[in-house]
Protein backbone atom coordinates (compact mmCIF):
# COMPACT_ATOMS: atom_id res chain seq x y z
CA MET A 1 65.40 -31.65 -74.84
CA LEU A 2 69.06 -31.20 -73.99
CA ALA A 3 70.16 -27.61 -74.38
CA LYS A 4 73.77 -27.04 -75.31
CA ALA A 5 75.75 -24.18 -73.89
CA PHE A 6 78.77 -22.86 -75.70
CA LEU A 7 80.61 -21.11 -72.91
CA ALA A 8 84.17 -19.93 -72.57
CA PRO A 9 86.68 -22.31 -70.96
CA ALA A 10 86.80 -22.33 -67.16
CA SER A 11 90.02 -20.29 -67.03
CA ALA A 12 88.34 -17.40 -68.83
CA GLN A 13 85.20 -17.64 -66.71
CA VAL A 14 87.08 -17.59 -63.40
CA ALA A 15 88.43 -14.14 -64.21
CA SER A 16 84.92 -12.73 -63.77
CA VAL A 17 84.21 -14.70 -60.56
CA LEU A 18 86.20 -14.39 -57.37
CA LYS A 19 88.02 -17.66 -56.81
CA ASP A 20 86.92 -17.81 -53.16
CA THR A 21 83.26 -17.82 -54.20
CA ILE A 22 83.37 -20.85 -56.52
CA ALA A 23 81.71 -23.96 -55.12
CA THR A 24 83.45 -27.27 -54.62
CA ARG A 25 81.69 -29.97 -56.61
CA VAL A 26 81.04 -33.10 -54.57
CA GLN A 27 79.53 -36.37 -55.75
CA LEU A 28 77.52 -38.16 -53.08
CA PRO A 29 75.41 -41.31 -53.60
CA GLY A 30 72.54 -40.16 -55.82
CA ALA A 31 73.50 -36.49 -55.58
CA ASP A 32 75.60 -34.01 -57.58
CA CYS A 33 76.35 -31.22 -55.09
CA ALA A 34 78.00 -27.81 -55.02
CA LEU A 35 79.35 -26.70 -51.63
CA PHE A 36 79.58 -22.92 -51.67
CA PRO A 37 82.17 -21.12 -49.55
CA ALA A 38 81.05 -18.66 -46.90
CA ALA A 39 82.27 -15.77 -49.11
CA ALA A 40 79.82 -16.64 -51.90
CA ASN A 41 77.12 -14.01 -52.31
CA LEU A 42 73.71 -15.52 -51.70
CA GLY A 43 72.02 -12.14 -51.26
CA SER A 44 68.27 -12.16 -50.76
CA TRP A 45 66.38 -15.31 -51.59
CA PHE A 46 62.62 -15.05 -52.00
CA GLY A 47 62.26 -12.75 -49.03
CA LYS A 48 65.10 -14.11 -46.85
CA ASP A 49 68.09 -11.78 -46.58
CA PHE A 50 71.20 -13.94 -46.25
CA THR A 51 73.49 -10.89 -46.25
CA GLN A 52 72.63 -10.34 -42.57
CA LEU A 53 73.54 -13.88 -41.49
CA LEU A 54 76.88 -15.24 -40.36
CA ARG A 55 77.91 -17.84 -42.92
CA PHE A 56 80.16 -20.92 -43.03
CA THR A 57 81.36 -23.27 -45.76
CA PRO A 58 79.49 -26.60 -45.66
CA THR A 59 81.59 -29.74 -45.52
CA ARG A 60 81.16 -32.96 -47.45
CA ALA A 61 80.10 -34.69 -44.20
CA GLN A 62 77.42 -32.05 -43.52
CA ALA A 63 76.01 -32.42 -47.04
CA ALA A 64 76.10 -36.22 -46.68
CA GLU A 65 74.11 -35.98 -43.45
CA ALA A 66 71.41 -33.91 -45.14
CA GLU A 67 71.38 -36.21 -48.18
CA GLN A 68 70.97 -39.30 -45.99
CA ALA A 69 68.02 -37.71 -44.15
CA LEU A 70 66.34 -36.34 -47.28
CA PRO A 71 64.59 -39.53 -48.49
CA ARG A 72 62.84 -39.83 -45.09
CA VAL A 73 61.53 -36.25 -44.88
CA HIS A 74 57.82 -35.63 -45.43
CA LEU A 75 58.04 -32.57 -47.71
CA ALA A 76 54.31 -31.82 -47.71
CA LYS A 77 54.42 -31.15 -43.95
CA LEU A 78 57.22 -28.60 -44.34
CA TYR A 79 55.74 -26.12 -46.82
CA GLN A 80 57.05 -22.60 -46.21
CA TYR A 81 53.84 -21.06 -47.62
CA PRO A 82 50.21 -22.22 -47.84
CA VAL A 83 49.76 -24.61 -50.76
CA THR A 84 46.86 -25.04 -53.17
CA ASP A 85 45.49 -28.43 -54.21
CA TYR A 86 47.26 -28.11 -57.56
CA TYR A 87 50.69 -27.94 -55.96
CA ALA A 88 49.94 -30.64 -53.37
CA ARG A 89 51.22 -33.27 -55.84
CA TYR A 90 54.68 -31.68 -56.08
CA PRO A 91 56.27 -33.36 -53.02
CA ALA A 92 55.56 -36.82 -54.47
CA ILE A 93 56.90 -35.79 -57.88
CA ILE A 94 60.04 -34.36 -56.30
CA LYS A 95 60.70 -37.45 -54.18
CA GLN A 96 60.24 -39.70 -57.21
CA HIS A 97 62.94 -37.80 -59.15
CA LEU A 98 65.25 -36.83 -56.27
CA SER A 99 68.45 -38.13 -57.89
CA LYS A 100 67.89 -35.98 -61.02
CA TYR A 101 68.33 -32.70 -59.13
CA GLN A 102 71.62 -30.88 -58.76
CA ARG A 103 72.10 -29.32 -55.35
CA GLN A 104 73.69 -26.11 -54.12
CA TYR A 105 74.62 -26.05 -50.43
CA PHE A 106 75.06 -22.80 -48.48
CA GLY A 107 75.90 -22.75 -44.76
CA PHE A 108 74.66 -20.19 -42.26
CA TYR A 109 74.16 -19.78 -38.52
CA LYS A 110 70.66 -19.43 -37.14
CA ALA A 111 69.79 -17.90 -33.76
CA GLN A 112 71.64 -19.53 -30.85
CA HIS A 113 74.47 -20.29 -33.32
CA GLN A 114 72.74 -23.36 -34.73
CA THR A 115 74.47 -24.50 -37.92
CA CYS A 116 72.05 -24.70 -40.84
CA LEU A 117 72.12 -25.45 -44.53
CA PHE A 118 70.16 -23.78 -47.28
CA ILE A 119 69.86 -26.40 -50.03
CA ASN A 120 68.81 -25.34 -53.51
CA PHE A 121 67.60 -28.07 -55.90
CA PHE A 122 67.15 -27.75 -59.66
CA ILE A 123 67.30 -29.80 -62.83
CA GLU A 124 69.76 -28.43 -65.36
CA GLU A 125 70.09 -30.22 -68.66
CA VAL A 126 72.91 -28.19 -70.14
CA GLU A 127 75.87 -29.75 -71.86
CA TYR A 128 78.97 -27.67 -71.15
CA ALA A 129 81.96 -27.57 -73.47
CA PRO A 130 85.04 -29.42 -72.18
CA GLY A 131 86.99 -27.27 -69.73
CA THR A 132 83.97 -25.06 -69.05
CA LEU A 133 83.00 -24.32 -65.46
CA PRO A 134 79.25 -24.94 -65.02
CA SER A 135 77.48 -21.74 -63.98
CA TRP A 136 75.73 -23.53 -61.12
CA LEU A 137 79.15 -23.80 -59.42
CA THR A 138 79.70 -20.03 -59.59
CA HIS A 139 76.28 -18.52 -58.85
CA PRO A 140 73.12 -19.45 -56.98
CA VAL A 141 70.45 -20.70 -59.38
CA GLN A 142 67.22 -18.75 -58.97
CA VAL A 143 64.12 -19.50 -61.00
CA ALA A 144 60.91 -17.49 -60.59
CA ASP A 145 58.76 -20.32 -61.90
CA GLY A 146 60.05 -23.79 -62.67
CA GLY A 147 57.39 -25.87 -60.94
CA ALA A 148 58.70 -29.09 -59.40
CA GLY A 149 61.96 -28.65 -61.35
CA PHE A 150 63.16 -26.01 -58.88
CA TRP A 151 62.85 -26.12 -55.09
CA HIS A 152 64.71 -25.45 -51.87
CA ILE A 153 64.68 -26.49 -48.25
CA TYR A 154 66.58 -25.74 -45.05
CA TYR A 155 68.32 -28.31 -42.86
CA ASN A 156 69.32 -27.61 -39.26
CA LEU A 157 72.51 -29.55 -38.52
CA THR A 158 72.07 -28.98 -34.78
CA THR A 159 68.53 -30.40 -34.51
CA HIS A 160 68.86 -32.70 -37.56
CA LYS A 161 65.54 -31.44 -38.94
CA PHE A 162 64.42 -30.01 -42.27
CA TYR A 163 62.20 -26.93 -42.44
CA ASN A 164 60.73 -24.36 -44.88
CA PHE A 165 60.26 -26.42 -48.04
CA SER A 166 59.33 -24.31 -51.06
CA HIS A 167 59.19 -24.99 -54.80
CA GLY A 168 58.81 -22.96 -57.96
CA MET A 169 55.39 -22.02 -59.23
CA GLU A 170 54.21 -22.55 -62.79
CA GLY A 171 54.13 -19.39 -64.85
């Protein structure tokens, strides 16, 4: 079912969001992406405190690199946490529907100044009114449950490897 949001026009919404924290929307082959500036508040994310990390703004080329590598990654080998048999089917479901997910890209530096991306994936079926700024361009989308409809992964731009795949549970 397609939910419809009746939100204020983008100009009214921007007043409540700092302009330097709004993501740049980028269309890549098979991917609708939001590149968040370094100033965007990512806060803590399921136990990882991003407030303590040095951040950078991802570029279109960096997102394209991750997107090109994504179809070849074996998600089941990269689980961040132990997985039960029930959730073992999620990587295949996710790969099958990869182009349906919107993406949020956040850049940060890991130890030894390795450049890394935190990539948040979700399916949002909201129809925004004309001139309305989608909320996924202004704030990180966090879902406590969400099953295979919500997941995230890290990509190390220095080593060109993905790590710490995690998806929503079913509540």
